[in-house]
């Protein structure tokens, strides 16, 4: 299977998501948050650094729940201005 290259907008949205998650995590460790969300610390690291800019919905939902973020907050922070 060949994966379609990500658009610049998708990459930027992934970077925004990573930044929001890092900020929400604060001083808590990646290991603590990842374990609580049912993920590996490496998966969380990839999302936070933008190396995994399009994580699965349920991954994002699990992280949002652990970090106390609403899905509405994620949409607002990660949507590019002018994007439909």
N, C-alpha and C. Protein backbone atom coordinates (compact mmCIF):
# COMPACT_ATOMS: atom_id res chain seq x y z
N UNK A 1 0.84 -1.18 0.00
CA UNK A 1 0.00 0.00 0.00
C UNK A 1 0.89 1.24 0.00
N UNK A 2 0.59 2.15 -0.87
CA UNK A 2 1.33 3.40 -0.97
C UNK A 2 0.51 4.49 -0.27
N UNK A 3 1.15 5.20 0.62
CA UNK A 3 0.47 6.26 1.35
C UNK A 3 0.58 7.57 0.58
N UNK A 4 -0.54 8.26 0.46
CA UNK A 4 -0.56 9.55 -0.21
C UNK A 4 0.23 10.56 0.63
N UNK A 5 1.10 11.33 0.00
CA UNK A 5 1.86 12.32 0.76
C UNK A 5 0.91 13.33 1.44
N UNK A 6 1.32 13.78 2.60
CA UNK A 6 0.52 14.76 3.33
C UNK A 6 0.64 16.13 2.69
N UNK A 7 -0.43 16.87 2.76
CA UNK A 7 -0.41 18.24 2.25
C UNK A 7 0.25 19.13 3.30
N UNK A 8 0.70 20.31 2.89
CA UNK A 8 1.26 21.25 3.87
C UNK A 8 0.25 21.58 4.98
N UNK A 9 -1.02 21.65 4.63
CA UNK A 9 -2.05 21.94 5.63
C UNK A 9 -2.16 20.81 6.65
N UNK A 10 -2.08 19.57 6.20
CA UNK A 10 -2.15 18.43 7.11
C UNK A 10 -0.94 18.42 8.05
N UNK A 11 0.21 18.74 7.51
CA UNK A 11 1.41 18.81 8.34
C UNK A 11 1.28 19.91 9.41
N UNK A 12 0.79 21.07 8.99
CA UNK A 12 0.64 22.18 9.94
C UNK A 12 -0.41 21.84 11.00
N UNK A 13 -1.49 21.19 10.61
CA UNK A 13 -2.51 20.78 11.57
C UNK A 13 -1.92 19.81 12.58
N UNK A 14 -1.07 18.90 12.12
CA UNK A 14 -0.39 17.97 13.02
C UNK A 14 0.54 18.69 13.99
N UNK A 15 1.23 19.70 13.51
CA UNK A 15 2.11 20.48 14.38
C UNK A 15 1.30 21.23 15.44
N UNK A 16 0.15 21.77 15.04
CA UNK A 16 -0.71 22.48 16.00
C UNK A 16 -1.23 21.51 17.06
N UNK A 17 -1.62 20.32 16.63
CA UNK A 17 -2.09 19.30 17.58
C UNK A 17 -0.99 18.95 18.56
N UNK A 18 0.21 18.72 18.06
CA UNK A 18 1.34 18.38 18.93
C UNK A 18 1.62 19.46 19.95
N UNK A 19 1.59 20.69 19.52
CA UNK A 19 1.83 21.82 20.42
C UNK A 19 0.75 21.89 21.50
N UNK A 20 -0.50 21.74 21.10
CA UNK A 20 -1.59 21.78 22.06
C UNK A 20 -1.46 20.66 23.10
N UNK A 21 -1.12 19.47 22.64
CA UNK A 21 -0.97 18.34 23.56
C UNK A 21 0.20 18.56 24.52
N UNK A 22 1.32 19.07 24.01
CA UNK A 22 2.47 19.36 24.88
C UNK A 22 2.11 20.38 25.94
N UNK A 23 1.42 21.44 25.52
CA UNK A 23 1.02 22.47 26.48
C UNK A 23 0.06 21.92 27.52
N UNK A 24 -0.88 21.10 27.10
CA UNK A 24 -1.86 20.53 28.03
C UNK A 24 -1.20 19.53 28.98
N UNK A 25 -0.18 18.85 28.50
CA UNK A 25 0.53 17.86 29.34
C UNK A 25 1.29 18.56 30.45
N UNK A 26 1.81 19.76 30.17
CA UNK A 26 2.54 20.52 31.18
C UNK A 26 3.73 19.77 31.72
N UNK A 27 3.81 19.66 33.03
CA UNK A 27 4.95 19.02 33.70
C UNK A 27 4.80 17.50 33.80
N UNK A 28 3.63 16.99 33.44
CA UNK A 28 3.43 15.54 33.52
C UNK A 28 4.28 14.83 32.47
N UNK A 29 4.72 13.65 32.79
CA UNK A 29 5.61 12.94 31.87
C UNK A 29 4.84 12.32 30.71
N UNK A 30 5.55 12.14 29.60
CA UNK A 30 4.97 11.46 28.45
C UNK A 30 4.53 10.06 28.83
N UNK A 31 5.34 9.38 29.62
CA UNK A 31 5.04 8.00 30.01
C UNK A 31 3.71 7.96 30.77
N UNK A 32 3.53 8.89 31.71
CA UNK A 32 2.31 8.94 32.51
C UNK A 32 1.07 9.16 31.64
N UNK A 33 1.14 10.14 30.76
CA UNK A 33 0.00 10.49 29.91
C UNK A 33 -0.27 9.39 28.89
N UNK A 34 0.78 8.88 28.27
CA UNK A 34 0.60 7.83 27.28
C UNK A 34 -0.03 6.59 27.90
N UNK A 35 0.45 6.19 29.07
CA UNK A 35 -0.09 5.01 29.74
C UNK A 35 -1.56 5.21 30.09
N UNK A 36 -1.90 6.38 30.57
CA UNK A 36 -3.30 6.67 30.93
C UNK A 36 -4.21 6.64 29.71
N UNK A 37 -3.66 6.99 28.54
CA UNK A 37 -4.44 7.00 27.30
C UNK A 37 -4.38 5.66 26.57
N UNK A 38 -3.58 4.73 27.08
CA UNK A 38 -3.47 3.42 26.43
C UNK A 38 -2.56 3.42 25.22
N UNK A 39 -1.57 4.31 25.23
CA UNK A 39 -0.62 4.44 24.12
C UNK A 39 0.79 4.19 24.62
N UNK A 40 1.70 4.02 23.68
CA UNK A 40 3.11 3.97 24.06
C UNK A 40 3.62 5.41 24.16
N UNK A 41 4.66 5.59 24.95
CA UNK A 41 5.28 6.91 25.05
C UNK A 41 5.84 7.34 23.70
N UNK A 42 6.31 6.39 22.91
CA UNK A 42 6.85 6.71 21.59
C UNK A 42 5.76 7.24 20.66
N UNK A 43 4.57 6.69 20.74
CA UNK A 43 3.47 7.19 19.92
C UNK A 43 3.14 8.62 20.31
N UNK A 44 3.06 8.89 21.61
CA UNK A 44 2.80 10.26 22.06
C UNK A 44 3.92 11.19 21.62
N UNK A 45 5.16 10.75 21.72
CA UNK A 45 6.30 11.57 21.29
C UNK A 45 6.17 11.93 19.81
N UNK A 46 5.80 10.95 18.99
CA UNK A 46 5.66 11.20 17.55
C UNK A 46 4.54 12.21 17.27
N UNK A 47 3.44 12.09 18.00
CA UNK A 47 2.34 13.03 17.80
C UNK A 47 2.76 14.43 18.24
N UNK A 48 3.37 14.53 19.40
CA UNK A 48 3.78 15.85 19.92
C UNK A 48 4.81 16.54 19.05
N UNK A 49 5.66 15.77 18.39
CA UNK A 49 6.72 16.38 17.57
C UNK A 49 6.31 16.54 16.11
N UNK A 50 5.10 16.10 15.76
CA UNK A 50 4.64 16.24 14.39
C UNK A 50 5.09 15.13 13.47
N UNK A 51 5.79 14.13 13.99
CA UNK A 51 6.22 13.01 13.15
C UNK A 51 5.07 12.07 12.83
N UNK A 52 3.98 12.18 13.57
CA UNK A 52 2.75 11.44 13.29
C UNK A 52 1.62 12.47 13.23
N UNK A 53 1.55 13.24 12.13
CA UNK A 53 0.63 14.37 12.08
C UNK A 53 -0.84 14.01 11.89
N UNK A 54 -1.14 12.75 11.60
CA UNK A 54 -2.53 12.36 11.39
C UNK A 54 -2.88 11.14 12.24
N UNK A 55 -2.84 11.28 13.56
CA UNK A 55 -3.17 10.13 14.41
C UNK A 55 -4.64 9.76 14.29
N UNK A 56 -4.95 8.53 14.63
CA UNK A 56 -6.33 8.05 14.56
C UNK A 56 -7.23 8.85 15.51
N UNK A 57 -8.48 8.96 15.15
CA UNK A 57 -9.45 9.70 15.95
C UNK A 57 -9.47 9.21 17.39
N UNK A 58 -9.53 7.90 17.58
CA UNK A 58 -9.64 7.35 18.93
C UNK A 58 -8.37 7.61 19.75
N UNK A 59 -7.24 7.72 19.10
CA UNK A 59 -6.00 8.08 19.78
C UNK A 59 -6.10 9.51 20.29
N UNK A 60 -6.55 10.40 19.43
CA UNK A 60 -6.70 11.81 19.81
C UNK A 60 -7.75 11.94 20.91
N UNK A 61 -8.86 11.22 20.78
CA UNK A 61 -9.92 11.28 21.79
C UNK A 61 -9.42 10.79 23.14
N UNK A 62 -8.63 9.72 23.15
CA UNK A 62 -8.09 9.20 24.41
C UNK A 62 -7.15 10.21 25.05
N UNK A 63 -6.29 10.82 24.27
CA UNK A 63 -5.37 11.83 24.80
C UNK A 63 -6.15 13.04 25.32
N UNK A 64 -7.14 13.47 24.58
CA UNK A 64 -7.94 14.62 25.01
C UNK A 64 -8.60 14.32 26.35
N UNK A 65 -9.13 13.13 26.51
CA UNK A 65 -9.76 12.77 27.77
C UNK A 65 -8.80 12.80 28.93
N UNK A 66 -7.63 12.25 28.75
CA UNK A 66 -6.62 12.21 29.81
C UNK A 66 -6.13 13.62 30.15
N UNK A 67 -6.02 14.47 29.14
CA UNK A 67 -5.48 15.82 29.34
C UNK A 67 -6.56 16.84 29.70
N UNK A 68 -7.81 16.42 29.74
CA UNK A 68 -8.88 17.33 30.10
C UNK A 68 -9.23 18.33 29.01
N UNK A 69 -8.99 17.95 27.77
CA UNK A 69 -9.33 18.80 26.63
C UNK A 69 -10.62 18.31 26.00
N UNK A 70 -11.44 19.25 25.53
CA UNK A 70 -12.63 18.84 24.80
C UNK A 70 -12.27 18.68 23.32
N UNK A 71 -13.07 17.91 22.63
CA UNK A 71 -12.83 17.76 21.20
C UNK A 71 -13.05 19.10 20.50
N UNK A 72 -13.95 19.93 21.04
CA UNK A 72 -14.16 21.26 20.46
C UNK A 72 -12.89 22.09 20.55
N UNK A 73 -12.19 22.01 21.70
CA UNK A 73 -10.93 22.75 21.85
C UNK A 73 -9.91 22.29 20.81
N UNK A 74 -9.85 20.99 20.60
CA UNK A 74 -8.90 20.46 19.61
C UNK A 74 -9.21 20.98 18.22
N UNK A 75 -10.48 20.99 17.87
CA UNK A 75 -10.86 21.47 16.54
C UNK A 75 -10.49 22.93 16.37
N UNK A 76 -10.81 23.74 17.36
CA UNK A 76 -10.53 25.17 17.28
C UNK A 76 -9.03 25.43 17.16
N UNK A 77 -8.23 24.73 17.96
CA UNK A 77 -6.78 24.97 17.96
C UNK A 77 -6.07 24.37 16.75
N UNK A 78 -6.62 23.32 16.18
CA UNK A 78 -5.91 22.62 15.12
C UNK A 78 -6.39 22.94 13.72
N UNK A 79 -7.51 23.63 13.60
CA UNK A 79 -8.04 23.98 12.29
C UNK A 79 -7.34 25.23 11.78
N UNK A 80 -6.96 25.17 10.54
CA UNK A 80 -6.30 26.32 9.93
C UNK A 80 -7.33 27.37 9.57
N UNK A 81 -6.98 28.62 9.76
CA UNK A 81 -7.86 29.72 9.41
C UNK A 81 -8.11 29.68 7.90
N UNK A 82 -9.36 29.79 7.53
CA UNK A 82 -9.69 29.78 6.11
C UNK A 82 -9.89 28.39 5.54
N UNK A 83 -9.72 27.34 6.35
CA UNK A 83 -9.93 25.98 5.87
C UNK A 83 -11.37 25.62 6.09
N UNK A 84 -12.04 25.02 5.10
CA UNK A 84 -13.45 24.64 5.26
C UNK A 84 -13.62 23.60 6.34
